[in-house]
């Protein structure tokens, strides 16, 4: 097992403020962070819808999508 896979579920907070310079959808891979409670994705160029996979993040209590491309749902 690689170290990244072993640590993926243990992340509690992710601050990805201004992390995406190109227009991209909200990354579905974030669903691998099963212990995630806070997710900050503001000030990016994200577009599209929030992936259904993120609904599996039962600990997620805070999701910030402020200041992204129009149309992020």
C-alpha atoms as a PDB file:
ATOM      1  CA  UNK A   1       0.000   0.000   0.000  1.00  0.00           C
ATOM      2  CA  UNK A   2       1.415   3.402  -0.860  1.00  0.00           C
ATOM      3  CA  UNK A   3       1.650   6.105   1.807  1.00  0.00           C
ATOM      4  CA  UNK A   4      -0.722   8.491   0.017  1.00  0.00           C
ATOM      5  CA  UNK A   5      -3.477   5.868  -0.035  1.00  0.00           C
ATOM      6  CA  UNK A   6      -2.927   5.052   3.632  1.00  0.00           C
ATOM      7  CA  UNK A   7      -3.266   8.703   4.669  1.00  0.00           C
ATOM      8  CA  UNK A   8      -6.140   9.624   2.338  1.00  0.00           C
ATOM      9  CA  UNK A   9      -8.948   8.767   4.743  1.00  0.00           C
ATOM     10  CA  UNK A  10      -7.373  10.507   7.755  1.00  0.00           C
ATOM     11  CA  UNK A  11      -7.495  14.122   6.518  1.00  0.00           C
ATOM     12  CA  UNK A  12      -9.951  16.209   8.564  1.00  0.00           C
ATOM     13  CA  UNK A  13      -9.633  19.591   6.821  1.00  0.00           C
ATOM     14  CA  UNK A  14      -8.634  20.523   3.281  1.00  0.00           C
ATOM     15  CA  UNK A  15      -7.968  24.110   2.258  1.00  0.00           C
ATOM     16  CA  UNK A  16      -7.728  24.263  -1.520  1.00  0.00           C
ATOM     17  CA  UNK A  17      -8.215  28.014  -1.748  1.00  0.00           C
ATOM     18  CA  UNK A  18      -6.916  29.324  -5.090  1.00  0.00           C
ATOM     19  CA  UNK A  19      -5.495  25.882  -5.916  1.00  0.00           C
ATOM     20  CA  UNK A  20      -6.963  25.504  -9.411  1.00  0.00           C
ATOM     21  CA  UNK A  21      -5.758  27.989 -12.049  1.00  0.00           C
ATOM     22  CA  UNK A  22      -7.672  26.409 -14.938  1.00  0.00           C
ATOM     23  CA  UNK A  23     -11.419  25.946 -15.226  1.00  0.00           C
ATOM     24  CA  UNK A  24     -12.092  22.425 -13.964  1.00  0.00           C
ATOM     25  CA  UNK A  25     -14.995  20.581 -12.311  1.00  0.00           C
ATOM     26  CA  UNK A  26     -15.035  19.985  -8.558  1.00  0.00           C
ATOM     27  CA  UNK A  27     -12.691  16.978  -8.126  1.00  0.00           C
ATOM     28  CA  UNK A  28     -14.605  13.760  -7.362  1.00  0.00           C
ATOM     29  CA  UNK A  29     -11.356  12.336  -5.921  1.00  0.00           C
ATOM     30  CA  UNK A  30     -11.998  14.376  -2.772  1.00  0.00           C
ATOM     31  CA  UNK A  31     -14.470  11.635  -1.785  1.00  0.00           C
ATOM     32  CA  UNK A  32     -11.436   9.491  -0.870  1.00  0.00           C
ATOM     33  CA  UNK A  33     -10.932  11.787   2.143  1.00  0.00           C
ATOM     34  CA  UNK A  34     -13.487   9.918   4.228  1.00  0.00           C
ATOM     35  CA  UNK A  35     -12.778  11.801   7.488  1.00  0.00           C
ATOM     36  CA  UNK A  36     -13.084  15.234   5.877  1.00  0.00           C
ATOM     37  CA  UNK A  37     -15.067  17.682   8.013  1.00  0.00           C
ATOM     38  CA  UNK A  38     -14.089  21.032   6.411  1.00  0.00           C
ATOM     39  CA  UNK A  39     -13.500  21.610   2.696  1.00  0.00           C
ATOM     40  CA  UNK A  40     -12.511  25.033   1.385  1.00  0.00           C
ATOM     41  CA  UNK A  41     -12.616  25.411  -2.391  1.00  0.00           C
ATOM     42  CA  UNK A  42     -13.158  29.157  -2.643  1.00  0.00           C
ATOM     43  CA  UNK A  43     -11.441  31.554  -5.041  1.00  0.00           C
ATOM     44  CA  UNK A  44     -10.889  28.982  -7.780  1.00  0.00           C
ATOM     45  CA  UNK A  45     -12.181  28.531 -11.305  1.00  0.00           C
ATOM     46  CA  UNK A  46     -14.261  25.457 -10.507  1.00  0.00           C
ATOM     47  CA  UNK A  47     -17.365  24.856 -12.586  1.00  0.00           C
ATOM     48  CA  UNK A  48     -20.187  22.365 -12.971  1.00  0.00           C
ATOM     49  CA  UNK A  49     -21.909  20.462 -10.214  1.00  0.00           C
ATOM     50  CA  UNK A  50     -20.662  19.082  -6.941  1.00  0.00           C
ATOM     51  CA  UNK A  51     -19.936  15.388  -7.613  1.00  0.00           C
ATOM     52  CA  UNK A  52     -22.416  12.926  -6.122  1.00  0.00           C
ATOM     53  CA  UNK A  53     -19.464  11.022  -4.613  1.00  0.00           C
ATOM     54  CA  UNK A  54     -19.020  13.828  -2.068  1.00  0.00           C
ATOM     55  CA  UNK A  55     -22.371  12.869  -0.531  1.00  0.00           C
ATOM     56  CA  UNK A  56     -20.558   9.897   1.007  1.00  0.00           C
ATOM     57  CA  UNK A  57     -18.515  12.288   3.186  1.00  0.00           C
ATOM     58  CA  UNK A  58     -20.652  11.840   6.285  1.00  0.00           C
ATOM     59  CA  UNK A  59     -18.314  13.945   8.472  1.00  0.00           C
ATOM     60  CA  UNK A  60     -18.390  16.935   6.099  1.00  0.00           C
ATOM     61  CA  UNK A  61     -20.011  19.828   7.915  1.00  0.00           C
ATOM     62  CA  UNK A  62     -18.464  22.781   6.068  1.00  0.00           C
ATOM     63  CA  UNK A  63     -18.125  23.228   2.301  1.00  0.00           C
ATOM     64  CA  UNK A  64     -17.034  26.608   0.925  1.00  0.00           C
ATOM     65  CA  UNK A  65     -17.483  27.143  -2.824  1.00  0.00           C
ATOM     66  CA  UNK A  66     -17.564  30.950  -2.730  1.00  0.00           C
ATOM     67  CA  UNK A  67     -16.030  32.936  -5.588  1.00  0.00           C
ATOM     68  CA  UNK A  68     -15.848  30.260  -8.264  1.00  0.00           C
ATOM     69  CA  UNK A  69     -17.072  30.240 -11.859  1.00  0.00           C
ATOM     70  CA  UNK A  70     -20.783  30.788 -12.314  1.00  0.00           C
ATOM     71  CA  UNK A  71     -22.700  27.563 -12.404  1.00  0.00           C
ATOM     72  CA  UNK A  72     -21.136  25.607  -9.538  1.00  0.00           C
ATOM     73  CA  UNK A  73     -24.106  23.835  -7.953  1.00  0.00           C
END
